[in-house]
Amino acid sequence: MRGRALLASVSRQHSVGDVVAGERDSRALRASDQDRDRVADVLRSAAADGRLTLAELDERLDQLYQAKTYGELEPVVGDLPDAVDLEKLADLAPAKRAQRGDGVPVGGTPGSRSVRAIFGGVQRRGQWVVPKRFAVKVVFGGADLDLRKASLESAEVVINAKAIFGGVQIVVPPDIAVVIDGMGIFGGFAGNAEDHQPPPGAPVLRVTGKAVFGGVVVQRRPA
């Protein structure tokens, strides 16, 4: 059951696709955000099982969220083995999204895609939209990012933090998975966010960047 089986499963849920079946190749039909979320769940499951490295997962997620048609989705999952039950995962995806909506909403338009604090500070709290890729730079300053009431632009977001003689604090709720992959030079990345992860299928926050004589702290706290 490879990528073609998943595409057949998700395309069956669109009445328009049923109407034009036989008139057009279903691979040319436009995929929805929900379809891409289902494929993302498959990729994360494959990475959790050791079938994809974190670098491969990141590369495929980038490819996935740039895809516009079912045909462009197929190569993203085409080489995954039958051990991944794609149809079952696709069938469960709406329930997963409902749970996600109760905790961390996915969607919306961010106000900005970068912030910087030089000899000062910046905050993002309350209701705001975390961009798919968010750049944070502090120099002799600090940034405080609280995601507990935030929405995510996509199911996978990346915060690239650069702290130079400064600090970045990121607070996440219990239902966001966290991957920390930063470099410390006379500084470091710390926090408890990776200690207790939510079940597979949860939105993912990746924290990357550098801390030079500074620090980036990612903490998990109740919403």
C-alpha atoms as a PDB file:
ATOM      1  CA  MET A   1       0.000   0.000   0.000  1.00  0.00           C
ATOM      2  CA  ARG A   2       2.136   2.822  -1.250  1.00  0.00           C
ATOM      3  CA  GLY A   3       1.674   6.491  -2.122  1.00  0.00           C
ATOM      4  CA  ARG A   4      -0.864   5.697  -4.848  1.00  0.00           C
ATOM      5  CA  ALA A   5      -3.082   3.906  -2.314  1.00  0.00           C
ATOM      6  CA  LEU A   6      -3.036   6.912   0.004  1.00  0.00           C
ATOM      7  CA  LEU A   7      -3.888   9.266  -2.833  1.00  0.00           C
ATOM      8  CA  ALA A   8      -6.784   7.041  -3.835  1.00  0.00           C
ATOM      9  CA  SER A   9      -8.032   7.064  -0.240  1.00  0.00           C
ATOM     10  CA  VAL A  10      -7.975  10.840   0.175  1.00  0.00           C
ATOM     11  CA  SER A  11      -9.299  11.573  -3.303  1.00  0.00           C
ATOM     12  CA  ARG A  12     -12.375   9.380  -2.703  1.00  0.00           C
ATOM     13  CA  GLN A  13     -13.490  11.891  -0.059  1.00  0.00           C
ATOM     14  CA  HIS A  14     -13.925  14.698  -2.607  1.00  0.00           C
ATOM     15  CA  SER A  15     -17.211  14.675  -4.525  1.00  0.00           C
ATOM     16  CA  VAL A  16     -15.672  16.756  -7.309  1.00  0.00           C
ATOM     17  CA  GLY A  17     -13.052  14.058  -7.810  1.00  0.00           C
ATOM     18  CA  ASP A  18     -15.803  11.447  -8.091  1.00  0.00           C
ATOM     19  CA  VAL A  19     -17.604  13.492 -10.728  1.00  0.00           C
ATOM     20  CA  VAL A  20     -14.578  13.941 -12.946  1.00  0.00           C
ATOM     21  CA  ALA A  21     -13.238  10.395 -12.449  1.00  0.00           C
ATOM     22  CA  GLY A  22     -12.549   8.936 -15.844  1.00  0.00           C
ATOM     23  CA  GLU A  23     -12.464  12.398 -17.469  1.00  0.00           C
ATOM     24  CA  ARG A  24      -9.205  13.522 -15.848  1.00  0.00           C
ATOM     25  CA  ASP A  25      -6.236  11.794 -14.267  1.00  0.00           C
ATOM     26  CA  SER A  26      -6.819  12.027 -10.489  1.00  0.00           C
ATOM     27  CA  ARG A  27      -3.109  12.722 -10.059  1.00  0.00           C
ATOM     28  CA  ALA A  28      -3.683  16.126 -11.682  1.00  0.00           C
ATOM     29  CA  LEU A  29      -6.385  17.123  -9.183  1.00  0.00           C
ATOM     30  CA  ARG A  30      -5.569  19.687  -6.511  1.00  0.00           C
ATOM     31  CA  ALA A  31      -4.782  18.335  -3.040  1.00  0.00           C
ATOM     32  CA  SER A  32      -6.248  20.024   0.029  1.00  0.00           C
ATOM     33  CA  ASP A  33      -4.520  21.098   3.254  1.00  0.00           C
ATOM     34  CA  GLN A  34      -6.211  18.127   4.956  1.00  0.00           C
ATOM     35  CA  ASP A  35      -4.671  15.762   2.392  1.00  0.00           C
ATOM     36  CA  ARG A  36      -1.230  17.197   3.074  1.00  0.00           C
ATOM     37  CA  ASP A  37      -1.769  16.832   6.817  1.00  0.00           C
ATOM     38  CA  ARG A  38      -2.584  13.124   6.333  1.00  0.00           C
ATOM     39  CA  VAL A  39       0.603  12.573   4.335  1.00  0.00           C
ATOM     40  CA  ALA A  40       2.556  14.460   7.029  1.00  0.00           C
ATOM     41  CA  ASP A  41       1.176  12.037   9.637  1.00  0.00           C
ATOM     42  CA  VAL A  42       2.466   9.143   7.523  1.00  0.00           C
ATOM     43  CA  LEU A  43       5.927  10.685   7.300  1.00  0.00           C
ATOM     44  CA  ARG A  44       6.124  11.300  11.046  1.00  0.00           C
ATOM     45  CA  SER A  45       5.090   7.706  11.738  1.00  0.00           C
ATOM     46  CA  ALA A  46       7.787   6.482   9.372  1.00  0.00           C
ATOM     47  CA  ALA A  47      10.386   8.635  11.134  1.00  0.00           C
ATOM     48  CA  ALA A  48       9.243   7.376  14.534  1.00  0.00           C
ATOM     49  CA  ASP A  49       9.714   3.799  13.277  1.00  0.00           C
ATOM     50  CA  GLY A  50      13.223   4.563  12.018  1.00  0.00           C
ATOM     51  CA  ARG A  51      12.366   4.392   8.323  1.00  0.00           C
ATOM     52  CA  LEU A  52      13.303   8.045   7.786  1.00  0.00           C
ATOM     53  CA  THR A  53      16.053  10.088   9.389  1.00  0.00           C
ATOM     54  CA  LEU A  54      15.211  13.507  10.839  1.00  0.00           C
ATOM     55  CA  ALA A  55      16.975  15.117   7.868  1.00  0.00           C
ATOM     56  CA  GLU A  56      14.910  13.044   5.427  1.00  0.00           C
ATOM     57  CA  LEU A  57      11.720  13.861   7.332  1.00  0.00           C
ATOM     58  CA  ASP A  58      12.461  17.577   7.181  1.00  0.00           C
ATOM     59  CA  GLU A  59      13.247  17.387   3.449  1.00  0.00           C
ATOM     60  CA  ARG A  60      10.065  15.475   2.667  1.00  0.00           C
ATOM     61  CA  LEU A  61       7.877  17.771   4.757  1.00  0.00           C
ATOM     62  CA  ASP A  62       9.239  20.732   2.801  1.00  0.00           C
ATOM     63  CA  GLN A  63       8.431  18.911  -0.439  1.00  0.00           C
ATOM     64  CA  LEU A  64       5.004  17.931   0.886  1.00  0.00           C
ATOM     65  CA  TYR A  65       3.849  21.437   1.785  1.00  0.00           C
ATOM     66  CA  GLN A  66       4.969  22.737  -1.613  1.00  0.00           C
ATOM     67  CA  ALA A  67       2.936  20.068  -3.440  1.00  0.00           C
ATOM     68  CA  LYS A  68      -0.246  21.214  -5.173  1.00  0.00           C
ATOM     69  CA  THR A  69      -1.645  18.025  -6.740  1.00  0.00           C
ATOM     70  CA  TYR A  70      -2.071  14.357  -5.780  1.00  0.00           C
ATOM     71  CA  GLY A  71       0.607  13.479  -8.303  1.00  0.00           C
ATOM     72  CA  GLU A  72       3.086  15.708  -6.482  1.00  0.00           C
ATOM     73  CA  LEU A  73       2.205  14.059  -3.161  1.00  0.00           C
ATOM     74  CA  GLU A  74       2.901  10.547  -4.424  1.00  0.00           C
ATOM     75  CA  PRO A  75       6.739  10.675  -4.524  1.00  0.00           C
ATOM     76  CA  VAL A  76       6.795  11.862  -0.895  1.00  0.00           C
ATOM     77  CA  VAL A  77       5.439   8.509   0.384  1.00  0.00           C
ATOM     78  CA  GLY A  78       6.010   6.272  -2.645  1.00  0.00           C
ATOM     79  CA  ASP A  79       8.914   4.300  -1.142  1.00  0.00           C
ATOM     80  CA  LEU A  80       7.393   3.625   2.277  1.00  0.00           C
ATOM     81  CA  PRO A  81       6.731  -0.068   2.980  1.00  0.00           C
ATOM     82  CA  ASP A  82       3.389  -1.792   3.469  1.00  0.00           C
ATOM     83  CA  ALA A  83       4.014  -1.811   7.233  1.00  0.00           C
ATOM     84  CA  VAL A  84       2.624   1.739   7.278  1.00  0.00           C
ATOM     85  CA  ASP A  85      -1.158   1.397   6.969  1.00  0.00           C
ATOM     86  CA  LEU A  86      -1.757   4.518   4.915  1.00  0.00           C
ATOM     87  CA  GLU A  87      -5.488   4.058   4.400  1.00  0.00           C
ATOM     88  CA  LYS A  88      -6.125   3.482   8.091  1.00  0.00           C
ATOM     89  CA  LEU A  89      -4.045   6.512   8.984  1.00  0.00           C
ATOM     90  CA  ALA A  90      -5.920   8.615   6.428  1.00  0.00           C
ATOM     91  CA  ASP A  91      -9.261   7.448   7.847  1.00  0.00           C
ATOM     92  CA  LEU A  92      -8.187   8.472  11.373  1.00  0.00           C
ATOM     93  CA  ALA A  93      -6.819  11.827  10.327  1.00  0.00           C
ATOM     94  CA  PRO A  94     -10.069  13.807  10.755  1.00  0.00           C
ATOM     95  CA  ALA A  95     -10.345  12.609  14.368  1.00  0.00           C
ATOM     96  CA  LYS A  96      -6.744  13.606  14.981  1.00  0.00           C
ATOM     97  CA  ARG A  97      -7.396  17.031  13.557  1.00  0.00           C
ATOM     98  CA  ALA A  98     -10.423  17.441  15.813  1.00  0.00           C
ATOM     99  CA  GLN A  99      -8.274  16.675  18.857  1.00  0.00           C
ATOM    100  CA  ARG A 100      -5.639  19.055  17.580  1.00  0.00           C
ATOM    101  CA  GLY A 101      -8.232  21.765  17.091  1.00  0.00           C
ATOM    102  CA  ASP A 102      -9.258  21.435  20.748  1.00  0.00           C
ATOM    103  CA  GLY A 103      -5.639  22.007  21.776  1.00  0.00           C
ATOM    104  CA  VAL A 104      -3.445  23.699  19.171  1.00  0.00           C
ATOM    105  CA  PRO A 105      -5.294  25.244  16.197  1.00  0.00           C
ATOM    106  CA  VAL A 106      -3.550  24.826  12.839  1.00  0.00           C
ATOM    107  CA  GLY A 107      -4.080  27.553  10.264  1.00  0.00           C
ATOM    108  CA  GLY A 108      -4.128  31.313   9.976  1.00  0.00           C
ATOM    109  CA  THR A 109      -1.929  34.062   8.611  1.00  0.00           C
ATOM    110  CA  PRO A 110       1.062  35.202  10.688  1.00  0.00           C
ATOM    111  CA  GLY A 111       1.620  38.886  11.283  1.00  0.00           C
ATOM    112  CA  SER A 112       5.381  38.615  10.745  1.00  0.00           C
ATOM    113  CA  ARG A 113       7.909  35.911   9.985  1.00  0.00           C
ATOM    114  CA  SER A 114      10.825  37.282  11.985  1.00  0.00           C
ATOM    115  CA  VAL A 115      11.613  39.282  15.106  1.00  0.00           C
ATOM    116  CA  ARG A 116      14.803  40.755  16.477  1.00  0.00           C
ATOM    117  CA  ALA A 117      15.879  42.385  19.720  1.00  0.00           C
ATOM    118  CA  ILE A 118      19.121  44.335  19.912  1.00  0.00           C
ATOM    119  CA  PHE A 119      19.852  45.780  23.357  1.00  0.00           C
ATOM    120  CA  GLY A 120      16.180  45.235  24.113  1.00  0.00           C
ATOM    121  CA  GLY A 121      13.420  42.662  24.296  1.00  0.00           C
ATOM    122  CA  VAL A 122      10.535  41.242  22.300  1.00  0.00           C
ATOM    123  CA  GLN A 123       7.502  39.174  23.317  1.00  0.00           C
ATOM    124  CA  ARG A 124       4.903  37.052  21.591  1.00  0.00           C
ATOM    125  CA  ARG A 125       2.124  35.958  23.957  1.00  0.00           C
ATOM    126  CA  GLY A 126      -1.586  35.270  23.919  1.00  0.00           C
ATOM    127  CA  GLN A 127      -3.292  34.635  20.583  1.00  0.00           C
ATOM    128  CA  TRP A 128      -0.870  34.841  17.669  1.00  0.00           C
ATOM    129  CA  VAL A 129       0.002  32.743  14.616  1.00  0.00           C
ATOM    130  CA  VAL A 130       3.392  31.008  14.591  1.00  0.00           C
ATOM    131  CA  PRO A 131       4.760  31.095  11.023  1.00  0.00           C
ATOM    132  CA  LYS A 132       5.835  27.902   9.297  1.00  0.00           C
ATOM    133  CA  ARG A 133       9.387  29.265   9.551  1.00  0.00           C
ATOM    134  CA  PHE A 134      10.009  31.888  12.229  1.00  0.00           C
ATOM    135  CA  ALA A 135      13.382  33.651  12.567  1.00  0.00           C
ATOM    136  CA  VAL A 136      14.326  35.059  15.979  1.00  0.00           C
ATOM    137  CA  LYS A 137      17.535  37.015  16.573  1.00  0.00           C
ATOM    138  CA  VAL A 138      18.620  38.596  19.855  1.00  0.00           C
ATOM    139  CA  VAL A 139      21.859  40.499  20.444  1.00  0.00           C
ATOM    140  CA  PHE A 140      22.429  41.685  24.020  1.00  0.00           C
ATOM    141  CA  GLY A 141      18.674  41.252  24.424  1.00  0.00           C
ATOM    142  CA  GLY A 142      15.934  38.714  24.960  1.00  0.00           C
ATOM    143  CA  ALA A 143      12.887  37.131  23.329  1.00  0.00           C
ATOM    144  CA  ASP A 144       9.935  35.536  25.119  1.00  0.00           C
ATOM    145  CA  LEU A 145       7.725  33.346  22.900  1.00  0.00           C
ATOM    146  CA  ASP A 146       4.669  31.730  24.491  1.00  0.00           C
ATOM    147  CA  LEU A 147       2.876  29.220  22.227  1.00  0.00           C
ATOM    148  CA  ARG A 148       0.252  28.053  24.731  1.00  0.00           C
ATOM    149  CA  LYS A 149      -2.564  30.144  23.202  1.00  0.00           C
ATOM    150  CA  ALA A 150      -1.054  30.444  19.746  1.00  0.00           C
ATOM    151  CA  SER A 151      -2.130  28.949  16.420  1.00  0.00           C
ATOM    152  CA  LEU A 152       0.347  27.298  14.047  1.00  0.00           C
ATOM    153  CA  GLU A 153       0.435  28.293  10.389  1.00  0.00           C
ATOM    154  CA  SER A 154       1.073  24.638   9.510  1.00  0.00           C
ATOM    155  CA  ALA A 155       1.225  21.317  11.344  1.00  0.00           C
ATOM    156  CA  GLU A 156       5.033  21.565  11.326  1.00  0.00           C
ATOM    157  CA  VAL A 157       6.723  24.838  12.280  1.00  0.00           C
ATOM    158  CA  VAL A 158      10.373  25.790  12.714  1.00  0.00           C
ATOM    159  CA  ILE A 159      11.721  28.476  15.027  1.00  0.00           C
ATOM    160  CA  ASN A 160      15.276  29.388  14.082  1.00  0.00           C
ATOM    161  CA  ALA A 161      16.734  31.154  17.111  1.00  0.00           C
ATOM    162  CA  LYS A 162      20.037  33.043  17.183  1.00  0.00           C
ATOM    163  CA  ALA A 163      21.057  34.286  20.618  1.00  0.00           C
ATOM    164  CA  ILE A 164      24.270  36.330  20.816  1.00  0.00           C
ATOM    165  CA  PHE A 165      24.991  37.505  24.362  1.00  0.00           C
ATOM    166  CA  GLY A 166      21.274  37.157  24.944  1.00  0.00           C
ATOM    167  CA  GLY A 167      18.504  34.663  25.542  1.00  0.00           C
ATOM    168  CA  VAL A 168      15.404  33.203  23.908  1.00  0.00           C
ATOM    169  CA  GLN A 169      12.707  31.521  25.988  1.00  0.00           C
ATOM    170  CA  ILE A 170      10.060  29.403  24.255  1.00  0.00           C
ATOM    171  CA  VAL A 171       7.078  27.992  26.162  1.00  0.00           C
ATOM    172  CA  VAL A 172       4.996  25.224  24.560  1.00  0.00           C
ATOM    173  CA  PRO A 173       1.775  23.461  25.662  1.00  0.00           C
ATOM    174  CA  PRO A 174       1.615  19.693  26.310  1.00  0.00           C
ATOM    175  CA  ASP A 175       0.126  18.820  22.893  1.00  0.00           C
ATOM    176  CA  ILE A 176       2.963  20.052  20.649  1.00  0.00           C
ATOM    177  CA  ALA A 177       5.819  17.674  19.830  1.00  0.00           C
ATOM    178  CA  VAL A 178       9.219  19.332  20.157  1.00  0.00           C
ATOM    179  CA  VAL A 179      12.527  18.634  18.406  1.00  0.00           C
ATOM    180  CA  ILE A 180      15.539  20.707  19.492  1.00  0.00           C
ATOM    181  CA  ASP A 181      18.433  20.826  17.067  1.00  0.00           C
ATOM    182  CA  GLY A 182      20.545  23.873  17.890  1.00  0.00           C
ATOM    183  CA  MET A 183      24.241  24.575  18.313  1.00  0.00           C
ATOM    184  CA  GLY A 184      25.817  26.198  21.354  1.00  0.00           C
ATOM    185  CA  ILE A 185      29.124  28.100  21.238  1.00  0.00           C
ATOM    186  CA  PHE A 186      29.966  29.106  24.792  1.00  0.00           C
ATOM    187  CA  GLY A 187      26.199  28.865  25.203  1.00  0.00           C
ATOM    188  CA  GLY A 188      23.531  26.253  24.708  1.00  0.00           C
ATOM    189  CA  PHE A 189      20.015  24.949  24.165  1.00  0.00           C
ATOM    190  CA  ALA A 190      18.158  23.634  27.216  1.00  0.00           C
ATOM    191  CA  GLY A 191      14.742  22.921  28.700  1.00  0.00           C
ATOM    192  CA  ASN A 192      12.339  20.084  29.453  1.00  0.00           C
ATOM    193  CA  ALA A 193      10.214  20.233  26.287  1.00  0.00           C
ATOM    194  CA  GLU A 194      11.603  17.005  24.815  1.00  0.00           C
ATOM    195  CA  ASP A 195      11.118  14.971  27.999  1.00  0.00           C
ATOM    196  CA  HIS A 196       7.389  14.256  27.644  1.00  0.00           C
ATOM    197  CA  GLN A 197       6.119  14.180  24.075  1.00  0.00           C
ATOM    198  CA  PRO A 198       2.457  13.940  22.947  1.00  0.00           C
ATOM    199  CA  PRO A 199       1.191  10.946  20.904  1.00  0.00           C
ATOM    200  CA  PRO A 200       2.152  10.628  17.212  1.00  0.00           C
ATOM    201  CA  GLY A 201       0.183  12.909  14.925  1.00  0.00           C
ATOM    202  CA  ALA A 202       0.512  16.006  17.108  1.00  0.00           C
ATOM    203  CA  PRO A 203       1.785  19.273  15.596  1.00  0.00           C
ATOM    204  CA  VAL A 204       5.571  19.555  15.608  1.00  0.00           C
ATOM    205  CA  LEU A 205       7.805  22.441  16.650  1.00  0.00           C
ATOM    206  CA  ARG A 206      11.447  22.304  15.567  1.00  0.00           C
ATOM    207  CA  VAL A 207      13.858  24.636  17.307  1.00  0.00           C
ATOM    208  CA  THR A 208      17.094  25.262  15.431  1.00  0.00           C
ATOM    209  CA  GLY A 209      19.783  27.930  15.422  1.00  0.00           C
ATOM    210  CA  LYS A 210      22.827  29.013  17.414  1.00  0.00           C
ATOM    211  CA  ALA A 211      23.539  30.317  20.899  1.00  0.00           C
ATOM    212  CA  VAL A 212      26.809  32.259  21.165  1.00  0.00           C
ATOM    213  CA  PHE A 213      27.546  33.329  24.737  1.00  0.00           C
ATOM    214  CA  GLY A 214      23.810  33.051  25.174  1.00  0.00           C
ATOM    215  CA  GLY A 215      21.031  30.526  25.623  1.00  0.00           C
ATOM    216  CA  VAL A 216      17.805  29.166  24.145  1.00  0.00           C
ATOM    217  CA  VAL A 217      15.402  27.533  26.627  1.00  0.00           C
ATOM    218  CA  VAL A 218      12.376  25.501  25.503  1.00  0.00           C
ATOM    219  CA  GLN A 219       9.978  24.610  28.303  1.00  0.00           C
ATOM    220  CA  ARG A 220       6.731  22.643  28.354  1.00  0.00           C
ATOM    221  CA  ARG A 221       4.014  24.056  30.617  1.00  0.00           C
ATOM    222  CA  PRO A 222       0.262  23.485  30.988  1.00  0.00           C
ATOM    223  CA  ALA A 223      -1.901  25.571  28.684  1.00  0.00           C
END
